[in-house]
């Protein structure tokens, strides 16, 4: 199955949820905001939202500094 991840084509396993995708990318769920098809997902939904063909995801990470 194909999705768009941060503006680039990305192949994923069928029936993968957002949490599993983050795990495969080694992205800690607490460090990222996920936008799916222009809607922000609440973190407690990451294990319930299953990716679909053509989904567009943006992973937004916050970086601290000074």
PDB file of N, CA and C in Angstrom:
ATOM      1  N   UNK A   1       0.854  -1.165   0.000  1.00  0.00           N
ATOM      2  CA  UNK A   1       0.000   0.000   0.000  1.00  0.00           C
ATOM      3  C   UNK A   1       0.902   1.231   0.000  1.00  0.00           C
ATOM      4  N   UNK A   2       0.438   2.285  -0.643  1.00  0.00           N
ATOM      5  CA  UNK A   2       1.246   3.494  -0.757  1.00  0.00           C
ATOM      6  C   UNK A   2       0.562   4.684  -0.091  1.00  0.00           C
ATOM      7  N   UNK A   3       1.356   5.430   0.649  1.00  0.00           N
ATOM      8  CA  UNK A   3       0.909   6.665   1.282  1.00  0.00           C
ATOM      9  C   UNK A   3       1.924   7.748   0.937  1.00  0.00           C
ATOM     10  N   UNK A   4       1.623   8.964   1.332  1.00  0.00           N
ATOM     11  CA  UNK A   4       2.587  10.054   1.233  1.00  0.00           C
ATOM     12  C   UNK A   4       2.984  10.415   2.656  1.00  0.00           C
ATOM     13  N   UNK A   5       4.287  10.388   2.925  1.00  0.00           N
ATOM     14  CA  UNK A   5       4.806  10.667   4.261  1.00  0.00           C
ATOM     15  C   UNK A   5       5.742  11.857   4.176  1.00  0.00           C
ATOM     16  N   UNK A   6       5.365  12.944   4.807  1.00  0.00           N
ATOM     17  CA  UNK A   6       6.140  14.184   4.766  1.00  0.00           C
ATOM     18  C   UNK A   6       6.473  14.589   3.332  1.00  0.00           C
ATOM     19  N   UNK A   7       5.457  14.472   2.460  1.00  0.00           N
ATOM     20  CA  UNK A   7       5.592  14.923   1.084  1.00  0.00           C
ATOM     21  C   UNK A   7       6.262  13.957   0.125  1.00  0.00           C
ATOM     22  N   UNK A   8       6.632  12.770   0.606  1.00  0.00           N
ATOM     23  CA  UNK A   8       7.323  11.798  -0.243  1.00  0.00           C
ATOM     24  C   UNK A   8       6.555  10.479  -0.271  1.00  0.00           C
ATOM     25  N   UNK A   9       6.575   9.781  -1.418  1.00  0.00           N
ATOM     26  CA  UNK A   9       5.916   8.470  -1.490  1.00  0.00           C
ATOM     27  C   UNK A   9       6.542   7.491  -0.502  1.00  0.00           C
ATOM     28  N   UNK A  10       5.699   6.671   0.108  1.00  0.00           N
ATOM     29  CA  UNK A  10       6.174   5.713   1.109  1.00  0.00           C
ATOM     30  C   UNK A  10       5.291   4.467   1.045  1.00  0.00           C
ATOM     31  N   UNK A  11       5.918   3.290   0.975  1.00  0.00           N
ATOM     32  CA  UNK A  11       5.173   2.028   0.964  1.00  0.00           C
ATOM     33  C   UNK A  11       5.052   1.505   2.392  1.00  0.00           C
ATOM     34  N   UNK A  12       3.864   1.012   2.736  1.00  0.00           N
ATOM     35  CA  UNK A  12       3.627   0.460   4.073  1.00  0.00           C
ATOM     36  C   UNK A  12       2.913  -0.875   3.957  1.00  0.00           C
ATOM     37  N   UNK A  13       2.971  -1.636   5.060  1.00  0.00           N
ATOM     38  CA  UNK A  13       2.238  -2.892   5.132  1.00  0.00           C
ATOM     39  C   UNK A  13       0.740  -2.600   5.149  1.00  0.00           C
ATOM     40  N   UNK A  14      -0.025  -3.535   4.649  1.00  0.00           N
ATOM     41  CA  UNK A  14      -1.482  -3.401   4.672  1.00  0.00           C
ATOM     42  C   UNK A  14      -1.989  -3.456   6.116  1.00  0.00           C
ATOM     43  N   UNK A  15      -2.998  -2.664   6.441  1.00  0.00           N
ATOM     44  CA  UNK A  15      -3.641  -2.643   7.764  1.00  0.00           C
ATOM     45  C   UNK A  15      -2.698  -2.201   8.886  1.00  0.00           C
ATOM     46  N   UNK A  16      -1.856  -1.259   8.617  1.00  0.00           N
ATOM     47  CA  UNK A  16      -0.930  -0.734   9.623  1.00  0.00           C
ATOM     48  C   UNK A  16      -1.578   0.471  10.300  1.00  0.00           C
ATOM     49  N   UNK A  17      -1.510   0.514  11.643  1.00  0.00           N
ATOM     50  CA  UNK A  17      -2.021   1.698  12.328  1.00  0.00           C
ATOM     51  C   UNK A  17      -0.894   2.718  12.510  1.00  0.00           C
ATOM     52  N   UNK A  18      -1.273   3.913  12.925  1.00  0.00           N
ATOM     53  CA  UNK A  18      -0.308   5.008  13.071  1.00  0.00           C
ATOM     54  C   UNK A  18       0.770   4.655  14.090  1.00  0.00           C
ATOM     55  N   UNK A  19       0.390   4.064  15.208  1.00  0.00           N
ATOM     56  CA  UNK A  19       1.362   3.708  16.240  1.00  0.00           C
ATOM     57  C   UNK A  19       2.404   2.737  15.693  1.00  0.00           C
ATOM     58  N   UNK A  20       1.969   1.731  14.951  1.00  0.00           N
ATOM     59  CA  UNK A  20       2.909   0.761  14.382  1.00  0.00           C
ATOM     60  C   UNK A  20       3.822   1.440  13.367  1.00  0.00           C
ATOM     61  N   UNK A  21       3.293   2.345  12.570  1.00  0.00           N
ATOM     62  CA  UNK A  21       4.128   3.093  11.621  1.00  0.00           C
ATOM     63  C   UNK A  21       5.214   3.856  12.363  1.00  0.00           C
ATOM     64  N   UNK A  22       4.838   4.557  13.436  1.00  0.00           N
ATOM     65  CA  UNK A  22       5.827   5.310  14.212  1.00  0.00           C
ATOM     66  C   UNK A  22       6.891   4.382  14.783  1.00  0.00           C
ATOM     67  N   UNK A  23       6.477   3.211  15.254  1.00  0.00           N
ATOM     68  CA  UNK A  23       7.439   2.238  15.786  1.00  0.00           C
ATOM     69  C   UNK A  23       8.414   1.784  14.707  1.00  0.00           C
ATOM     70  N   UNK A  24       7.920   1.515  13.497  1.00  0.00           N
ATOM     71  CA  UNK A  24       8.811   1.072  12.419  1.00  0.00           C
ATOM     72  C   UNK A  24       9.767   2.176  11.991  1.00  0.00           C
ATOM     73  N   UNK A  25       9.343   3.426  12.147  1.00  0.00           N
ATOM     74  CA  UNK A  25      10.202   4.567  11.807  1.00  0.00           C
ATOM     75  C   UNK A  25      11.095   4.986  12.975  1.00  0.00           C
ATOM     76  N   UNK A  26      10.936   4.309  14.120  1.00  0.00           N
ATOM     77  CA  UNK A  26      11.681   4.627  15.344  1.00  0.00           C
ATOM     78  C   UNK A  26      11.440   6.075  15.801  1.00  0.00           C
ATOM     79  N   UNK A  27      10.177   6.470  15.724  1.00  0.00           N
ATOM     80  CA  UNK A  27       9.761   7.801  16.160  1.00  0.00           C
ATOM     81  C   UNK A  27       8.936   7.639  17.433  1.00  0.00           C
ATOM     82  N   UNK A  28       9.407   8.164  18.567  1.00  0.00           N
ATOM     83  CA  UNK A  28       8.629   8.072  19.808  1.00  0.00           C
ATOM     84  C   UNK A  28       7.307   8.839  19.668  1.00  0.00           C
ATOM     85  N   UNK A  29       6.185   8.196  19.925  1.00  0.00           N
ATOM     86  CA  UNK A  29       4.883   8.853  19.759  1.00  0.00           C
ATOM     87  C   UNK A  29       4.736  10.147  20.561  1.00  0.00           C
ATOM     88  N   UNK A  30       5.385  10.225  21.698  1.00  0.00           N
ATOM     89  CA  UNK A  30       5.269  11.424  22.531  1.00  0.00           C
ATOM     90  C   UNK A  30       6.017  12.622  21.950  1.00  0.00           C
ATOM     91  N   UNK A  31       6.866  12.393  20.947  1.00  0.00           N
ATOM     92  CA  UNK A  31       7.686  13.480  20.406  1.00  0.00           C
ATOM     93  C   UNK A  31       7.168  14.020  19.079  1.00  0.00           C
ATOM     94  N   UNK A  32       5.965  13.606  18.678  1.00  0.00           N
ATOM     95  CA  UNK A  32       5.511  13.965  17.339  1.00  0.00           C
ATOM     96  C   UNK A  32       4.015  14.273  17.330  1.00  0.00           C
ATOM     97  N   UNK A  33       3.639  15.171  16.444  1.00  0.00           N
ATOM     98  CA  UNK A  33       2.236  15.418  16.128  1.00  0.00           C
ATOM     99  C   UNK A  33       2.017  14.814  14.748  1.00  0.00           C
ATOM    100  N   UNK A  34       0.916  14.093  14.582  1.00  0.00           N
ATOM    101  CA  UNK A  34       0.627  13.454  13.304  1.00  0.00           C
ATOM    102  C   UNK A  34      -0.575  14.134  12.660  1.00  0.00           C
ATOM    103  N   UNK A  35      -0.368  14.577  11.423  1.00  0.00           N
ATOM    104  CA  UNK A  35      -1.452  15.126  10.619  1.00  0.00           C
ATOM    105  C   UNK A  35      -1.773  14.100   9.538  1.00  0.00           C
ATOM    106  N   UNK A  36      -3.022  13.691   9.459  1.00  0.00           N
ATOM    107  CA  UNK A  36      -3.465  12.722   8.441  1.00  0.00           C
ATOM    108  C   UNK A  36      -4.540  13.374   7.585  1.00  0.00           C
ATOM    109  N   UNK A  37      -4.250  13.501   6.311  1.00  0.00           N
ATOM    110  CA  UNK A  37      -5.201  14.104   5.367  1.00  0.00           C
ATOM    111  C   UNK A  37      -5.712  15.450   5.872  1.00  0.00           C
ATOM    112  N   UNK A  38      -4.769  16.257   6.336  1.00  0.00           N
ATOM    113  CA  UNK A  38      -5.012  17.637   6.794  1.00  0.00           C
ATOM    114  C   UNK A  38      -5.771  17.756   8.111  1.00  0.00           C
ATOM    115  N   UNK A  39      -5.834  16.672   8.873  1.00  0.00           N
ATOM    116  CA  UNK A  39      -6.453  16.707  10.202  1.00  0.00           C
ATOM    117  C   UNK A  39      -5.453  16.203  11.232  1.00  0.00           C
ATOM    118  N   UNK A  40      -5.331  16.934  12.336  1.00  0.00           N
ATOM    119  CA  UNK A  40      -4.437  16.528  13.417  1.00  0.00           C
ATOM    120  C   UNK A  40      -5.081  15.368  14.172  1.00  0.00           C
ATOM    121  N   UNK A  41      -4.296  14.325  14.421  1.00  0.00           N
ATOM    122  CA  UNK A  41      -4.780  13.171  15.182  1.00  0.00           C
ATOM    123  C   UNK A  41      -4.396  13.319  16.651  1.00  0.00           C
ATOM    124  N   UNK A  42      -5.318  13.012  17.530  1.00  0.00           N
ATOM    125  CA  UNK A  42      -5.003  12.973  18.952  1.00  0.00           C
ATOM    126  C   UNK A  42      -4.125  11.754  19.219  1.00  0.00           C
ATOM    127  N   UNK A  43      -3.166  11.904  20.082  1.00  0.00           N
ATOM    128  CA  UNK A  43      -2.203  10.835  20.374  1.00  0.00           C
ATOM    129  C   UNK A  43      -2.891   9.541  20.821  1.00  0.00           C
ATOM    130  N   UNK A  44      -3.999   9.654  21.536  1.00  0.00           N
ATOM    131  CA  UNK A  44      -4.686   8.443  22.003  1.00  0.00           C
ATOM    132  C   UNK A  44      -5.388   7.683  20.875  1.00  0.00           C
ATOM    133  N   UNK A  45      -5.381   8.236  19.671  1.00  0.00           N
ATOM    134  CA  UNK A  45      -5.977   7.568  18.506  1.00  0.00           C
ATOM    135  C   UNK A  45      -4.942   6.840  17.648  1.00  0.00           C
ATOM    136  N   UNK A  46      -3.650   6.999  17.957  1.00  0.00           N
ATOM    137  CA  UNK A  46      -2.600   6.430  17.105  1.00  0.00           C
ATOM    138  C   UNK A  46      -2.753   4.925  16.910  1.00  0.00           C
ATOM    139  N   UNK A  47      -3.228   4.218  17.930  1.00  0.00           N
ATOM    140  CA  UNK A  47      -3.359   2.756  17.800  1.00  0.00           C
ATOM    141  C   UNK A  47      -4.716   2.336  17.225  1.00  0.00           C
ATOM    142  N   UNK A  48      -5.577   3.312  16.927  1.00  0.00           N
ATOM    143  CA  UNK A  48      -6.905   2.992  16.393  1.00  0.00           C
ATOM    144  C   UNK A  48      -7.101   3.425  14.944  1.00  0.00           C
ATOM    145  N   UNK A  49      -6.240   4.317  14.476  1.00  0.00           N
ATOM    146  CA  UNK A  49      -6.379   4.819  13.109  1.00  0.00           C
ATOM    147  C   UNK A  49      -5.527   3.960  12.180  1.00  0.00           C
ATOM    148  N   UNK A  50      -6.195   3.262  11.262  1.00  0.00           N
ATOM    149  CA  UNK A  50      -5.516   2.377  10.318  1.00  0.00           C
ATOM    150  C   UNK A  50      -5.293   3.132   9.010  1.00  0.00           C
ATOM    151  N   UNK A  51      -4.079   3.037   8.498  1.00  0.00           N
ATOM    152  CA  UNK A  51      -3.744   3.712   7.250  1.00  0.00           C
ATOM    153  C   UNK A  51      -4.523   3.127   6.081  1.00  0.00           C
ATOM    154  N   UNK A  52      -4.840   4.010   5.126  1.00  0.00           N
ATOM    155  CA  UNK A  52      -5.543   3.606   3.913  1.00  0.00           C
ATOM    156  C   UNK A  52      -4.733   4.059   2.704  1.00  0.00           C
ATOM    157  N   UNK A  53      -4.918   3.355   1.602  1.00  0.00           N
ATOM    158  CA  UNK A  53      -4.250   3.704   0.353  1.00  0.00           C
ATOM    159  C   UNK A  53      -4.449   5.187   0.057  1.00  0.00           C
ATOM    160  N   UNK A  54      -3.339   5.879  -0.236  1.00  0.00           N
ATOM    161  CA  UNK A  54      -3.407   7.282  -0.614  1.00  0.00           C
ATOM    162  C   UNK A  54      -3.408   8.269   0.538  1.00  0.00           C
ATOM    163  N   UNK A  55      -3.382   7.796   1.787  1.00  0.00           N
ATOM    164  CA  UNK A  55      -3.330   8.721   2.922  1.00  0.00           C
ATOM    165  C   UNK A  55      -2.117   9.635   2.801  1.00  0.00           C
ATOM    166  N   UNK A  56      -2.292  10.872   3.249  1.00  0.00           N
ATOM    167  CA  UNK A  56      -1.196  11.832   3.304  1.00  0.00           C
ATOM    168  C   UNK A  56      -0.904  12.128   4.765  1.00  0.00           C
ATOM    169  N   UNK A  57       0.314  11.803   5.197  1.00  0.00           N
ATOM    170  CA  UNK A  57       0.722  12.012   6.586  1.00  0.00           C
ATOM    171  C   UNK A  57       1.845  13.024   6.663  1.00  0.00           C
ATOM    172  N   UNK A  58       1.779  13.849   7.677  1.00  0.00           N
ATOM    173  CA  UNK A  58       2.882  14.741   8.031  1.00  0.00           C
ATOM    174  C   UNK A  58       3.227  14.450   9.477  1.00  0.00           C
ATOM    175  N   UNK A  59       4.487  14.172   9.732  1.00  0.00           N
ATOM    176  CA  UNK A  59       4.975  13.986  11.099  1.00  0.00           C
ATOM    177  C   UNK A  59       5.679  15.273  11.492  1.00  0.00           C
ATOM    178  N   UNK A  60       5.163  15.925  12.507  1.00  0.00           N
ATOM    179  CA  UNK A  60       5.692  17.214  12.942  1.00  0.00           C
ATOM    180  C   UNK A  60       6.365  17.015  14.283  1.00  0.00           C
ATOM    181  N   UNK A  61       7.668  17.270  14.299  1.00  0.00           N
ATOM    182  CA  UNK A  61       8.446  17.084  15.530  1.00  0.00           C
ATOM    183  C   UNK A  61       8.797  18.442  16.116  1.00  0.00           C
ATOM    184  N   UNK A  62       8.751  18.494  17.430  1.00  0.00           N
ATOM    185  CA  UNK A  62       9.122  19.714  18.128  1.00  0.00           C
ATOM    186  C   UNK A  62      10.537  19.567  18.649  1.00  0.00           C
ATOM    187  N   UNK A  63      11.322  20.599  18.426  1.00  0.00           N
ATOM    188  CA  UNK A  63      12.714  20.587  18.853  1.00  0.00           C
ATOM    189  C   UNK A  63      12.923  21.773  19.781  1.00  0.00           C
ATOM    190  N   UNK A  64      13.456  21.491  20.953  1.00  0.00           N
ATOM    191  CA  UNK A  64      13.745  22.561  21.899  1.00  0.00           C
ATOM    192  C   UNK A  64      15.150  23.101  21.694  1.00  0.00           C
ATOM    193  N   UNK A  65      15.359  24.258  22.149  1.00  0.00           N
ATOM    194  CA  UNK A  65      16.691  24.852  22.032  1.00  0.00           C
ATOM    195  C   UNK A  65      16.645  26.294  22.499  1.00  0.00           C
ATOM    196  N   UNK A  66      17.760  26.907  22.400  1.00  0.00           N
ATOM    197  CA  UNK A  66      17.760  28.289  22.856  1.00  0.00           C
ATOM    198  C   UNK A  66      18.918  29.059  22.355  1.00  0.00           C
TER     199      UNK A  66
END
